[in-house]
Amino acid sequence: MRSLTVALACAQGEWPHEDWPAPDDPYVIRAVHLSPPYDVPEALDVAVLRCDDPSVALPELLGAMGDANVPLIVISPRRDSEAVLQVFRTGAGYLAEGDYCACMLSSAVMAATVGHTYLSPSACAVLREAARRMPTAGDALERLRSLLSPRERQIMELLSTGLGAQEIGLRLRLSEKTVRNNLSNIYAKLDARGSTDAVLRWLGAAPVLRT
C-alpha cells in the first residue's frame, strides 16, 4: 500500500486529533493542515473536513478543490438527517463527533482511497432512518431490489450499514475480490455510479428506477 498524503481542512486550532496521524502510521506519510479558504495542494490522496456546519464548509472546500477527484470525509457534531444526507450525496464519508475514534478515522481514510463511503455508527443510523421516512414508490423499490440475487441483497444490506468490501467479506466468509465482483454487478443492475449511489437507491433515498 502506498503512503498517503491527507489534507486536514478546518479552522485554525479546530483539528480534534493532535496525535493523528501517529509518527509511525504505516499508511499516512503526510498530513497537511488547511484553513479557509483552503489552498489545496496538488498531490493529495484524501481530504478530511472538520466543521460545525457541512452545508457551509463542504461547498467551500469542494469549490477550492475544483476538478480534483479527491475522496472526502466530513467530521461534524451534527447528527441530523439533513446534514448527513447532504454530505453522503456528495460521495463523502461522515463521522459524527463523539461517535468515532482515531482508529476509525484511519479506517475511513483507507476506505476512501478504494472508493468506499465510510459512515460512523450514528451517521449510518440517521441515514437509514431518513430513508425509511422518505416517500418512495414502494412497488418500484421492491422491483428494483428484486433485480438482485439473494447474495447481492445480503451484500447491499451490509454495505448500507457502512461496511466496506473487506468487512463484508469477513461477515459473509467471502474473499474481498468476490465481494467487489458482486458489487460491480450490483452497481450495473441498480444503474448506480458507485457505493454511495447504490446505497441511496437500495434504501429508497434516491429516485427509484422504472422497471
N, C-alpha and C. Protein backbone atom coordinates (compact mmCIF):
# COMPACT_ATOMS: atom_id res chain seq x y z
N MET A 1 0.84 -1.19 0.00
CA MET A 1 0.00 0.00 0.00
C MET A 1 0.88 1.24 0.00
N ARG A 2 0.61 2.16 -0.92
CA ARG A 2 1.43 3.37 -0.99
C ARG A 2 1.12 4.29 0.18
N SER A 3 2.08 5.15 0.51
CA SER A 3 1.89 6.11 1.58
C SER A 3 1.00 7.24 1.12
N LEU A 4 0.17 7.75 2.02
CA LEU A 4 -0.87 8.71 1.65
C LEU A 4 -0.57 10.10 2.19
N THR A 5 -1.00 11.09 1.42
CA THR A 5 -1.00 12.48 1.87
C THR A 5 -2.43 12.89 2.13
N VAL A 6 -2.72 13.33 3.35
CA VAL A 6 -4.07 13.68 3.77
C VAL A 6 -4.13 15.16 4.13
N ALA A 7 -5.14 15.85 3.62
CA ALA A 7 -5.38 17.24 3.99
C ALA A 7 -6.36 17.29 5.15
N LEU A 8 -6.03 18.03 6.20
CA LEU A 8 -6.91 18.21 7.34
C LEU A 8 -7.46 19.63 7.26
N ALA A 9 -8.68 19.76 6.75
CA ALA A 9 -9.27 21.06 6.47
C ALA A 9 -10.16 21.49 7.63
N CYS A 10 -9.77 22.56 8.31
CA CYS A 10 -10.57 23.09 9.41
C CYS A 10 -10.01 24.45 9.81
N ALA A 11 -10.80 25.19 10.57
CA ALA A 11 -10.32 26.47 11.08
C ALA A 11 -9.14 26.25 12.02
N GLN A 12 -8.32 27.25 12.15
CA GLN A 12 -7.12 27.15 12.97
C GLN A 12 -7.46 26.68 14.39
N GLY A 13 -6.77 25.63 14.84
CA GLY A 13 -6.95 25.15 16.19
C GLY A 13 -8.15 24.24 16.40
N GLU A 14 -8.87 23.89 15.33
CA GLU A 14 -10.08 23.09 15.49
C GLU A 14 -9.92 21.63 15.09
N TRP A 15 -8.70 21.21 14.76
CA TRP A 15 -8.50 19.79 14.46
C TRP A 15 -8.51 19.02 15.78
N PRO A 16 -9.40 18.03 15.93
CA PRO A 16 -9.60 17.39 17.23
C PRO A 16 -8.60 16.30 17.60
N HIS A 17 -7.70 15.92 16.69
CA HIS A 17 -6.80 14.79 16.94
C HIS A 17 -5.35 15.20 16.71
N GLU A 18 -4.76 15.83 17.71
CA GLU A 18 -3.39 16.28 17.55
C GLU A 18 -2.41 15.11 17.42
N ASP A 19 -2.81 13.94 17.90
CA ASP A 19 -1.94 12.76 17.83
C ASP A 19 -2.20 11.91 16.59
N TRP A 20 -3.01 12.46 15.64
CA TRP A 20 -3.29 11.71 14.41
C TRP A 20 -2.87 12.54 13.20
N PRO A 21 -2.16 11.93 12.26
CA PRO A 21 -1.69 10.54 12.26
C PRO A 21 -0.46 10.38 13.16
N ALA A 22 -0.31 9.19 13.70
CA ALA A 22 0.84 8.90 14.56
C ALA A 22 2.12 8.89 13.72
N PRO A 23 3.25 9.22 14.33
CA PRO A 23 4.52 9.25 13.58
C PRO A 23 4.84 7.93 12.89
N ASP A 24 4.39 6.82 13.47
CA ASP A 24 4.69 5.51 12.88
C ASP A 24 3.53 4.95 12.08
N ASP A 25 2.59 5.82 11.67
CA ASP A 25 1.45 5.36 10.87
C ASP A 25 1.96 4.68 9.61
N PRO A 26 1.53 3.44 9.34
CA PRO A 26 2.08 2.72 8.19
C PRO A 26 1.53 3.20 6.84
N TYR A 27 0.48 4.03 6.85
CA TYR A 27 -0.16 4.42 5.61
C TYR A 27 -0.08 5.93 5.33
N VAL A 28 -0.35 6.73 6.34
CA VAL A 28 -0.36 8.19 6.14
C VAL A 28 1.03 8.74 6.40
N ILE A 29 1.68 9.19 5.34
CA ILE A 29 3.04 9.69 5.46
C ILE A 29 3.07 11.19 5.74
N ARG A 30 1.98 11.87 5.34
CA ARG A 30 2.00 13.33 5.46
C ARG A 30 0.59 13.85 5.67
N ALA A 31 0.42 14.74 6.66
CA ALA A 31 -0.85 15.41 6.90
C ALA A 31 -0.64 16.90 6.77
N VAL A 32 -1.44 17.52 5.93
CA VAL A 32 -1.32 18.95 5.65
C VAL A 32 -2.54 19.67 6.23
N HIS A 33 -2.31 20.62 7.13
CA HIS A 33 -3.43 21.38 7.71
C HIS A 33 -3.81 22.52 6.77
N LEU A 34 -5.09 22.61 6.46
CA LEU A 34 -5.61 23.66 5.58
C LEU A 34 -6.63 24.48 6.35
N SER A 35 -6.50 25.79 6.28
CA SER A 35 -7.50 26.68 6.86
C SER A 35 -8.26 27.36 5.73
N PRO A 36 -9.53 27.76 5.97
CA PRO A 36 -10.26 28.50 4.94
C PRO A 36 -9.45 29.71 4.50
N PRO A 37 -9.41 30.03 3.18
CA PRO A 37 -10.24 29.48 2.09
C PRO A 37 -9.66 28.25 1.40
N TYR A 38 -8.83 27.48 2.06
CA TYR A 38 -8.37 26.18 1.60
C TYR A 38 -7.54 26.24 0.31
N ASP A 39 -6.26 26.43 0.49
CA ASP A 39 -5.32 26.36 -0.63
C ASP A 39 -4.90 24.90 -0.77
N VAL A 40 -5.63 24.17 -1.60
CA VAL A 40 -5.48 22.71 -1.68
C VAL A 40 -4.24 22.34 -2.49
N PRO A 41 -3.33 21.52 -1.93
CA PRO A 41 -2.15 21.09 -2.70
C PRO A 41 -2.53 20.12 -3.81
N GLU A 42 -1.68 20.04 -4.82
CA GLU A 42 -1.99 19.16 -5.96
C GLU A 42 -1.84 17.68 -5.60
N ALA A 43 -0.76 17.32 -4.91
CA ALA A 43 -0.51 15.92 -4.57
C ALA A 43 -1.27 15.60 -3.29
N LEU A 44 -2.48 15.09 -3.44
CA LEU A 44 -3.35 14.84 -2.30
C LEU A 44 -4.14 13.56 -2.53
N ASP A 45 -4.20 12.71 -1.50
CA ASP A 45 -4.92 11.44 -1.63
C ASP A 45 -6.31 11.47 -1.02
N VAL A 46 -6.46 12.12 0.13
CA VAL A 46 -7.75 12.19 0.83
C VAL A 46 -7.82 13.54 1.54
N ALA A 47 -9.02 14.13 1.60
CA ALA A 47 -9.24 15.34 2.37
C ALA A 47 -10.22 15.04 3.49
N VAL A 48 -9.89 15.50 4.70
CA VAL A 48 -10.76 15.35 5.86
C VAL A 48 -11.19 16.74 6.31
N LEU A 49 -12.47 17.00 6.27
CA LEU A 49 -13.01 18.31 6.64
C LEU A 49 -13.65 18.22 8.02
N ARG A 50 -13.17 19.03 8.96
CA ARG A 50 -13.81 19.13 10.27
C ARG A 50 -14.54 20.47 10.31
N CYS A 51 -15.85 20.44 10.54
CA CYS A 51 -16.63 21.69 10.51
C CYS A 51 -17.87 21.56 11.38
N ASP A 52 -18.41 22.69 11.78
CA ASP A 52 -19.66 22.69 12.55
C ASP A 52 -20.87 22.54 11.64
N ASP A 53 -20.81 23.13 10.45
CA ASP A 53 -21.95 23.11 9.54
C ASP A 53 -21.50 22.69 8.15
N PRO A 54 -21.70 21.42 7.78
CA PRO A 54 -21.27 20.95 6.45
C PRO A 54 -21.93 21.70 5.30
N SER A 55 -23.15 22.22 5.50
CA SER A 55 -23.84 22.90 4.40
C SER A 55 -23.09 24.15 3.96
N VAL A 56 -22.27 24.70 4.85
CA VAL A 56 -21.47 25.89 4.52
C VAL A 56 -20.05 25.50 4.13
N ALA A 57 -19.41 24.68 4.96
CA ALA A 57 -17.99 24.38 4.77
C ALA A 57 -17.71 23.43 3.62
N LEU A 58 -18.59 22.44 3.39
CA LEU A 58 -18.32 21.46 2.34
C LEU A 58 -18.33 22.08 0.95
N PRO A 59 -19.34 22.90 0.59
CA PRO A 59 -19.29 23.55 -0.73
C PRO A 59 -18.06 24.43 -0.90
N GLU A 60 -17.62 25.06 0.19
CA GLU A 60 -16.42 25.91 0.11
C GLU A 60 -15.19 25.07 -0.20
N LEU A 61 -15.05 23.94 0.46
CA LEU A 61 -13.90 23.07 0.20
C LEU A 61 -13.98 22.47 -1.20
N LEU A 62 -15.16 22.02 -1.61
CA LEU A 62 -15.33 21.46 -2.96
C LEU A 62 -14.98 22.50 -4.02
N GLY A 63 -15.37 23.75 -3.78
CA GLY A 63 -15.03 24.82 -4.72
C GLY A 63 -13.53 25.03 -4.81
N ALA A 64 -12.84 24.95 -3.67
CA ALA A 64 -11.39 25.13 -3.65
C ALA A 64 -10.68 23.97 -4.34
N MET A 65 -11.27 22.79 -4.30
CA MET A 65 -10.66 21.62 -4.93
C MET A 65 -10.87 21.60 -6.43
N GLY A 66 -11.87 22.34 -6.92
CA GLY A 66 -12.10 22.40 -8.36
C GLY A 66 -12.40 21.05 -8.95
N ASP A 67 -11.66 20.69 -9.99
CA ASP A 67 -11.89 19.43 -10.70
C ASP A 67 -11.13 18.26 -10.11
N ALA A 68 -10.40 18.51 -9.03
CA ALA A 68 -9.61 17.43 -8.43
C ALA A 68 -10.54 16.35 -7.88
N ASN A 69 -10.30 15.12 -8.26
CA ASN A 69 -11.12 13.99 -7.83
C ASN A 69 -10.51 13.36 -6.59
N VAL A 70 -10.70 14.04 -5.45
CA VAL A 70 -10.10 13.61 -4.19
C VAL A 70 -11.19 13.13 -3.24
N PRO A 71 -11.07 11.93 -2.68
CA PRO A 71 -12.07 11.44 -1.73
C PRO A 71 -12.16 12.36 -0.51
N LEU A 72 -13.37 12.48 0.04
CA LEU A 72 -13.60 13.38 1.16
C LEU A 72 -14.21 12.64 2.34
N ILE A 73 -13.88 13.09 3.53
CA ILE A 73 -14.50 12.64 4.77
C ILE A 73 -14.86 13.88 5.58
N VAL A 74 -16.06 13.93 6.10
CA VAL A 74 -16.50 15.07 6.90
C VAL A 74 -16.63 14.65 8.36
N ILE A 75 -16.08 15.46 9.26
CA ILE A 75 -16.26 15.29 10.70
C ILE A 75 -17.07 16.47 11.20
N SER A 76 -18.19 16.19 11.85
CA SER A 76 -19.07 17.28 12.29
C SER A 76 -19.86 16.83 13.52
N PRO A 77 -20.24 17.78 14.40
CA PRO A 77 -21.08 17.42 15.53
C PRO A 77 -22.54 17.19 15.14
N ARG A 78 -22.92 17.59 13.93
CA ARG A 78 -24.32 17.46 13.53
C ARG A 78 -24.68 16.00 13.26
N ARG A 79 -25.85 15.59 13.77
CA ARG A 79 -26.32 14.23 13.58
C ARG A 79 -27.73 14.21 13.02
N ASP A 80 -28.12 15.29 12.37
CA ASP A 80 -29.46 15.35 11.79
C ASP A 80 -29.43 14.82 10.37
N SER A 81 -30.58 14.39 9.90
CA SER A 81 -30.66 13.76 8.58
C SER A 81 -30.31 14.72 7.46
N GLU A 82 -30.65 15.98 7.61
CA GLU A 82 -30.35 16.95 6.55
C GLU A 82 -28.84 17.03 6.30
N ALA A 83 -28.06 17.12 7.38
CA ALA A 83 -26.60 17.22 7.24
C ALA A 83 -26.00 15.93 6.70
N VAL A 84 -26.40 14.79 7.28
CA VAL A 84 -25.82 13.52 6.87
C VAL A 84 -26.15 13.21 5.41
N LEU A 85 -27.41 13.41 5.01
CA LEU A 85 -27.80 13.14 3.63
C LEU A 85 -27.07 14.06 2.65
N GLN A 86 -26.94 15.34 3.00
CA GLN A 86 -26.26 16.27 2.10
C GLN A 86 -24.83 15.82 1.85
N VAL A 87 -24.14 15.43 2.92
CA VAL A 87 -22.75 15.00 2.79
C VAL A 87 -22.67 13.69 2.02
N PHE A 88 -23.52 12.74 2.38
CA PHE A 88 -23.48 11.42 1.75
C PHE A 88 -23.76 11.50 0.26
N ARG A 89 -24.65 12.40 -0.13
CA ARG A 89 -24.99 12.52 -1.56
C ARG A 89 -23.85 13.10 -2.38
N THR A 90 -22.88 13.75 -1.75
CA THR A 90 -21.70 14.22 -2.48
C THR A 90 -20.68 13.10 -2.64
N GLY A 91 -20.93 11.95 -1.97
CA GLY A 91 -19.97 10.85 -2.02
C GLY A 91 -18.96 10.88 -0.89
N ALA A 92 -19.11 11.84 0.04
CA ALA A 92 -18.16 11.95 1.16
C ALA A 92 -18.58 11.07 2.32
N GLY A 93 -17.60 10.60 3.08
CA GLY A 93 -17.88 9.88 4.30
C GLY A 93 -18.29 10.85 5.40
N TYR A 94 -18.87 10.31 6.47
CA TYR A 94 -19.35 11.17 7.56
C TYR A 94 -19.05 10.51 8.90
N LEU A 95 -18.30 11.24 9.73
CA LEU A 95 -18.01 10.82 11.09
C LEU A 95 -18.61 11.84 12.04
N ALA A 96 -19.57 11.42 12.85
CA ALA A 96 -20.17 12.32 13.82
C ALA A 96 -19.25 12.42 15.03
N GLU A 97 -19.01 13.62 15.50
CA GLU A 97 -18.13 13.80 16.64
C GLU A 97 -18.66 13.04 17.86
N GLY A 98 -17.76 12.42 18.61
CA GLY A 98 -18.15 11.63 19.75
C GLY A 98 -18.61 10.23 19.38
N ASP A 99 -18.56 9.90 18.10
CA ASP A 99 -19.09 8.63 17.61
C ASP A 99 -18.01 7.82 16.89
N TYR A 100 -16.76 8.20 17.05
CA TYR A 100 -15.67 7.50 16.37
C TYR A 100 -14.39 7.73 17.17
N CYS A 101 -13.38 6.97 16.83
CA CYS A 101 -12.06 7.10 17.46
C CYS A 101 -11.02 7.31 16.37
N ALA A 102 -9.79 7.54 16.77
CA ALA A 102 -8.72 7.77 15.79
C ALA A 102 -8.53 6.55 14.89
N CYS A 103 -8.71 5.36 15.44
CA CYS A 103 -8.58 4.15 14.61
C CYS A 103 -9.65 4.12 13.52
N MET A 104 -10.87 4.55 13.87
CA MET A 104 -11.94 4.59 12.88
C MET A 104 -11.64 5.64 11.80
N LEU A 105 -11.02 6.74 12.22
CA LEU A 105 -10.63 7.76 11.24
C LEU A 105 -9.63 7.18 10.25
N SER A 106 -8.67 6.41 10.74
CA SER A 106 -7.71 5.76 9.84
C SER A 106 -8.42 4.80 8.89
N SER A 107 -9.39 4.05 9.40
CA SER A 107 -10.16 3.13 8.56
C SER A 107 -10.93 3.90 7.49
N ALA A 108 -11.50 5.03 7.89
CA ALA A 108 -12.25 5.84 6.93
C ALA A 108 -11.36 6.37 5.82
N VAL A 109 -10.15 6.78 6.18
CA VAL A 109 -9.20 7.29 5.18
C VAL A 109 -8.82 6.18 4.22
N MET A 110 -8.50 5.00 4.75
CA MET A 110 -8.13 3.89 3.89
C MET A 110 -9.30 3.49 2.99
N ALA A 111 -10.51 3.46 3.55
CA ALA A 111 -11.68 3.09 2.76
C ALA A 111 -11.91 4.09 1.63
N ALA A 112 -11.67 5.37 1.91
CA ALA A 112 -11.89 6.40 0.90
C ALA A 112 -10.99 6.21 -0.31
N THR A 113 -9.79 5.69 -0.09
CA THR A 113 -8.85 5.52 -1.20
C THR A 113 -9.28 4.42 -2.17
N VAL A 114 -10.18 3.54 -1.72
CA VAL A 114 -10.66 2.47 -2.61
C VAL A 114 -12.13 2.68 -2.98
N GLY A 115 -12.61 3.91 -2.77
CA GLY A 115 -13.94 4.27 -3.25
C GLY A 115 -15.09 3.95 -2.33
N HIS A 116 -14.79 3.62 -1.05
CA HIS A 116 -15.88 3.31 -0.12
C HIS A 116 -16.24 4.54 0.70
N THR A 117 -17.52 4.78 0.89
CA THR A 117 -18.02 5.91 1.67
C THR A 117 -18.26 5.44 3.10
N TYR A 118 -17.41 5.90 4.01
CA TYR A 118 -17.43 5.40 5.38
C TYR A 118 -18.33 6.27 6.25
N LEU A 119 -19.16 5.63 7.08
CA LEU A 119 -20.05 6.33 8.00
C LEU A 119 -19.81 5.84 9.41
N SER A 120 -19.78 6.75 10.39
CA SER A 120 -19.74 6.33 11.77
C SER A 120 -21.11 5.75 12.13
N PRO A 121 -21.21 4.97 13.21
CA PRO A 121 -22.47 4.27 13.52
C PRO A 121 -23.70 5.17 13.59
N SER A 122 -23.60 6.32 14.26
CA SER A 122 -24.78 7.17 14.38
C SER A 122 -25.15 7.81 13.05
N ALA A 123 -24.15 8.15 12.23
CA ALA A 123 -24.43 8.72 10.91
C ALA A 123 -25.13 7.69 10.04
N CYS A 124 -24.69 6.44 10.14
CA CYS A 124 -25.34 5.37 9.39
C CYS A 124 -26.79 5.19 9.83
N ALA A 125 -27.02 5.23 11.16
CA ALA A 125 -28.37 5.08 11.68
C ALA A 125 -29.27 6.21 11.22
N VAL A 126 -28.73 7.44 11.19
CA VAL A 126 -29.50 8.60 10.73
C VAL A 126 -29.88 8.43 9.27
N LEU A 127 -28.94 7.96 8.45
CA LEU A 127 -29.21 7.78 7.03
C LEU A 127 -30.32 6.75 6.81
N ARG A 128 -30.24 5.64 7.51
CA ARG A 128 -31.25 4.59 7.34
C ARG A 128 -32.62 5.06 7.83
N GLU A 129 -32.66 5.79 8.93
CA GLU A 129 -33.94 6.27 9.44
C GLU A 129 -34.53 7.31 8.48
N ALA A 130 -33.69 8.18 7.93
CA ALA A 130 -34.17 9.18 6.98
C ALA A 130 -34.75 8.50 5.74
N ALA A 131 -34.09 7.44 5.29
CA ALA A 131 -34.57 6.72 4.11
C ALA A 131 -35.93 6.07 4.39
N ARG A 132 -36.10 5.55 5.62
CA ARG A 132 -37.38 4.92 5.96
C ARG A 132 -38.53 5.92 5.97
N ARG A 133 -38.22 7.19 6.29
CA ARG A 133 -39.27 8.21 6.37
C ARG A 133 -39.60 8.82 5.02
N MET A 134 -38.74 8.57 4.02
CA MET A 134 -38.95 9.20 2.71
C MET A 134 -40.08 8.52 1.96
N PRO A 135 -40.92 9.34 1.29
CA PRO A 135 -41.95 8.74 0.45
C PRO A 135 -41.31 8.10 -0.77
N THR A 136 -41.51 6.82 -0.95
CA THR A 136 -40.94 6.12 -2.10
C THR A 136 -42.03 5.34 -2.81
N ALA A 137 -41.78 5.06 -4.06
CA ALA A 137 -42.70 4.21 -4.82
C ALA A 137 -42.45 2.78 -4.37
N GLY A 138 -43.23 2.30 -3.38
CA GLY A 138 -42.95 1.02 -2.74
C GLY A 138 -42.81 -0.12 -3.72
N ASP A 139 -43.75 -0.26 -4.66
CA ASP A 139 -43.69 -1.35 -5.62
C ASP A 139 -42.45 -1.25 -6.49
N ALA A 140 -42.15 -0.03 -6.91
CA ALA A 140 -40.98 0.18 -7.76
C ALA A 140 -39.70 -0.16 -7.01
N LEU A 141 -39.65 0.21 -5.72
CA LEU A 141 -38.47 -0.09 -4.92
C LEU A 141 -38.31 -1.60 -4.75
N GLU A 142 -39.39 -2.29 -4.51
CA GLU A 142 -39.32 -3.75 -4.37
C GLU A 142 -38.89 -4.41 -5.68
N ARG A 143 -39.38 -3.89 -6.80
CA ARG A 143 -38.95 -4.45 -8.09
C ARG A 143 -37.46 -4.20 -8.31
N LEU A 144 -37.00 -3.03 -7.89
CA LEU A 144 -35.57 -2.72 -8.01
C LEU A 144 -34.75 -3.71 -7.20
N ARG A 145 -35.16 -3.94 -5.96
CA ARG A 145 -34.42 -4.87 -5.10
C ARG A 145 -34.48 -6.29 -5.63
N SER A 146 -35.59 -6.64 -6.29
CA SER A 146 -35.74 -8.00 -6.82
C SER A 146 -34.79 -8.28 -7.96
N LEU A 147 -34.17 -7.25 -8.51
CA LEU A 147 -33.17 -7.46 -9.57
C LEU A 147 -31.92 -8.15 -9.03
N LEU A 148 -31.73 -8.07 -7.73
CA LEU A 148 -30.52 -8.61 -7.13
C LEU A 148 -30.74 -10.04 -6.64
N SER A 149 -29.69 -10.82 -6.69
CA SER A 149 -29.73 -12.18 -6.17
C SER A 149 -29.75 -12.13 -4.64
N PRO A 150 -30.10 -13.24 -3.99
CA PRO A 150 -30.07 -13.26 -2.52
C PRO A 150 -28.72 -12.86 -1.95
N ARG A 151 -27.62 -13.33 -2.55
CA ARG A 151 -26.29 -12.96 -2.07
C ARG A 151 -26.05 -11.45 -2.25
N GLU A 152 -26.46 -10.92 -3.39
CA GLU A 152 -26.28 -9.49 -3.64
C GLU A 152 -27.09 -8.65 -2.66
N ARG A 153 -28.26 -9.14 -2.28
CA ARG A 153 -29.07 -8.42 -1.29
C ARG A 153 -28.37 -8.43 0.06
N GLN A 154 -27.77 -9.55 0.42
CA GLN A 154 -27.01 -9.61 1.67
C GLN A 154 -25.90 -8.57 1.66
N ILE A 155 -25.20 -8.49 0.55
CA ILE A 155 -24.09 -7.55 0.44
C ILE A 155 -24.59 -6.11 0.53
N MET A 156 -25.71 -5.82 -0.11
CA MET A 156 -26.25 -4.47 -0.05
C MET A 156 -26.70 -4.09 1.35
N GLU A 157 -27.27 -5.03 2.09
CA GLU A 157 -27.68 -4.75 3.47
C GLU A 157 -26.46 -4.37 4.31
N LEU A 158 -25.37 -5.08 4.12
CA LEU A 158 -24.15 -4.79 4.87
C LEU A 158 -23.49 -3.50 4.39
N LEU A 159 -23.49 -3.29 3.08
CA LEU A 159 -22.92 -2.05 2.54
C LEU A 159 -23.66 -0.84 3.09
N SER A 160 -24.97 -0.95 3.23
CA SER A 160 -25.78 0.19 3.69
C SER A 160 -25.63 0.44 5.18
N THR A 161 -24.93 -0.44 5.91
CA THR A 161 -24.64 -0.17 7.32
C THR A 161 -23.27 0.45 7.49
N GLY A 162 -22.58 0.74 6.39
CA GLY A 162 -21.29 1.41 6.47
C GLY A 162 -20.09 0.51 6.36
N LEU A 163 -20.30 -0.78 6.08
CA LEU A 163 -19.17 -1.70 5.96
C LEU A 163 -18.55 -1.62 4.57
N GLY A 164 -17.24 -1.86 4.50
CA GLY A 164 -16.55 -1.91 3.23
C GLY A 164 -16.44 -3.33 2.71
N ALA A 165 -15.82 -3.48 1.55
CA ALA A 165 -15.75 -4.79 0.90
C ALA A 165 -15.02 -5.82 1.76
N GLN A 166 -13.93 -5.42 2.40
CA GLN A 166 -13.18 -6.36 3.22
C GLN A 166 -14.02 -6.82 4.41
N GLU A 167 -14.70 -5.87 5.07
CA GLU A 167 -15.53 -6.21 6.23
C GLU A 167 -16.72 -7.09 5.83
N ILE A 168 -17.30 -6.78 4.68
CA ILE A 168 -18.42 -7.60 4.18
C ILE A 168 -17.95 -9.02 3.91
N GLY A 169 -16.78 -9.14 3.32
CA GLY A 169 -16.22 -10.46 3.04
C GLY A 169 -16.04 -11.28 4.31
N LEU A 170 -15.55 -10.63 5.37
CA LEU A 170 -15.36 -11.33 6.64
C LEU A 170 -16.70 -11.78 7.21
N ARG A 171 -17.72 -10.93 7.09
CA ARG A 171 -19.04 -11.28 7.63
C ARG A 171 -19.65 -12.46 6.87
N LEU A 172 -19.48 -12.46 5.55
CA LEU A 172 -20.13 -13.48 4.72
C LEU A 172 -19.20 -14.63 4.34
N ARG A 173 -17.98 -14.59 4.86
CA ARG A 173 -16.97 -15.62 4.56
C ARG A 173 -16.71 -15.71 3.05
N LEU A 174 -16.52 -14.55 2.47
CA LEU A 174 -16.18 -14.44 1.05
C LEU A 174 -14.86 -13.70 0.93
N SER A 175 -14.17 -13.91 -0.18
CA SER A 175 -12.96 -13.14 -0.42
C SER A 175 -13.34 -11.70 -0.77
N GLU A 176 -12.43 -10.78 -0.50
CA GLU A 176 -12.70 -9.38 -0.85
C GLU A 176 -12.92 -9.23 -2.35
N LYS A 177 -12.16 -10.00 -3.14
CA LYS A 177 -12.33 -9.94 -4.60
C LYS A 177 -13.74 -10.37 -5.01
N THR A 178 -14.25 -11.42 -4.37
CA THR A 178 -15.61 -11.88 -4.68
C THR A 178 -16.63 -10.81 -4.34
N VAL A 179 -16.46 -10.16 -3.19
CA VAL A 179 -17.38 -9.08 -2.81
C VAL A 179 -17.33 -7.95 -3.83
N ARG A 180 -16.12 -7.58 -4.25
CA ARG A 180 -16.00 -6.48 -5.22
C ARG A 180 -16.63 -6.86 -6.57
N ASN A 181 -16.49 -8.12 -6.97
CA ASN A 181 -17.13 -8.56 -8.21
C ASN A 181 -18.65 -8.47 -8.09
N ASN A 182 -19.17 -8.87 -6.92
CA ASN A 182 -20.60 -8.76 -6.68
C ASN A 182 -21.05 -7.30 -6.70
N LEU A 183 -20.25 -6.44 -6.10
CA LEU A 183 -20.60 -5.02 -6.07
C LEU A 183 -20.65 -4.43 -7.48
N SER A 184 -19.72 -4.85 -8.32
CA SER A 184 -19.74 -4.37 -9.71
C SER A 184 -21.04 -4.78 -10.40
N ASN A 185 -21.46 -6.02 -10.18
CA ASN A 185 -22.73 -6.49 -10.75
C ASN A 185 -23.91 -5.72 -10.18
N ILE A 186 -23.87 -5.44 -8.87
CA ILE A 186 -24.95 -4.70 -8.22
C ILE A 186 -25.07 -3.30 -8.80
N TYR A 187 -23.93 -2.62 -8.96
CA TYR A 187 -23.96 -1.26 -9.49
C TYR A 187 -24.58 -1.25 -10.89
N ALA A 188 -24.25 -2.26 -11.69
CA ALA A 188 -24.81 -2.34 -13.04
C ALA A 188 -26.31 -2.56 -12.99
N LYS A 189 -26.77 -3.46 -12.13
CA LYS A 189 -28.19 -3.76 -12.04
C LYS A 189 -29.01 -2.57 -11.51
N LEU A 190 -28.42 -1.83 -10.56
CA LEU A 190 -29.12 -0.69 -9.98
C LEU A 190 -28.88 0.61 -10.76
N ASP A 191 -28.07 0.52 -11.80
CA ASP A 191 -27.69 1.71 -12.57
C ASP A 191 -27.10 2.76 -11.64
N ALA A 192 -26.21 2.29 -10.75
CA ALA A 192 -25.59 3.16 -9.75
C ALA A 192 -24.16 3.50 -10.16
N ARG A 193 -23.73 4.69 -9.82
CA ARG A 193 -22.39 5.14 -10.19
C ARG A 193 -21.32 4.64 -9.23
N GLY A 194 -21.73 4.12 -8.08
CA GLY A 194 -20.77 3.63 -7.10
C GLY A 194 -21.50 3.27 -5.82
N SER A 195 -20.74 3.08 -4.74
CA SER A 195 -21.34 2.61 -3.49
C SER A 195 -22.35 3.59 -2.91
N THR A 196 -22.04 4.88 -2.97
CA THR A 196 -22.96 5.88 -2.42
C THR A 196 -24.29 5.85 -3.14
N ASP A 197 -24.24 5.89 -4.46
CA ASP A 197 -25.46 5.89 -5.26
C ASP A 197 -26.24 4.60 -5.05
N ALA A 198 -25.53 3.47 -4.96
CA ALA A 198 -26.20 2.18 -4.77
C ALA A 198 -26.93 2.14 -3.43
N VAL A 199 -26.28 2.62 -2.38
CA VAL A 199 -26.92 2.62 -1.06
C VAL A 199 -28.15 3.51 -1.04
N LEU A 200 -28.05 4.68 -1.66
CA LEU A 200 -29.21 5.59 -1.72
C LEU A 200 -30.37 4.93 -2.45
N ARG A 201 -30.08 4.24 -3.54
CA ARG A 201 -31.15 3.56 -4.27
C ARG A 201 -31.71 2.40 -3.46
N TRP A 202 -30.84 1.63 -2.82
CA TRP A 202 -31.26 0.48 -2.04
C TRP A 202 -32.17 0.90 -0.88
N LEU A 203 -31.86 2.03 -0.24
CA LEU A 203 -32.65 2.49 0.89
C LEU A 203 -33.89 3.28 0.48
N GLY A 204 -33.98 3.60 -0.81
CA GLY A 204 -35.10 4.41 -1.25
C GLY A 204 -34.90 5.88 -1.03
N ALA A 205 -33.63 6.30 -0.84
CA ALA A 205 -33.32 7.71 -0.61
C ALA A 205 -32.88 8.40 -1.88
N ALA A 206 -33.04 7.73 -3.03
CA ALA A 206 -32.75 8.31 -4.33
C ALA A 206 -33.89 7.90 -5.26
N PRO A 207 -34.06 8.61 -6.37
CA PRO A 207 -35.13 8.21 -7.30
C PRO A 207 -35.02 6.76 -7.71
N VAL A 208 -36.11 6.05 -7.65
CA VAL A 208 -36.14 4.63 -8.00
C VAL A 208 -36.27 4.47 -9.51
N LEU A 209 -35.49 3.53 -10.05
CA LEU A 209 -35.55 3.28 -11.48
C LEU A 209 -36.90 2.71 -11.89
N ARG A 210 -37.36 3.04 -13.07
CA ARG A 210 -38.56 2.39 -13.61
C ARG A 210 -38.19 1.03 -14.16
N THR A 211 -38.87 0.00 -13.70
CA THR A 211 -38.53 -1.35 -14.18
C THR A 211 -39.76 -1.99 -14.80
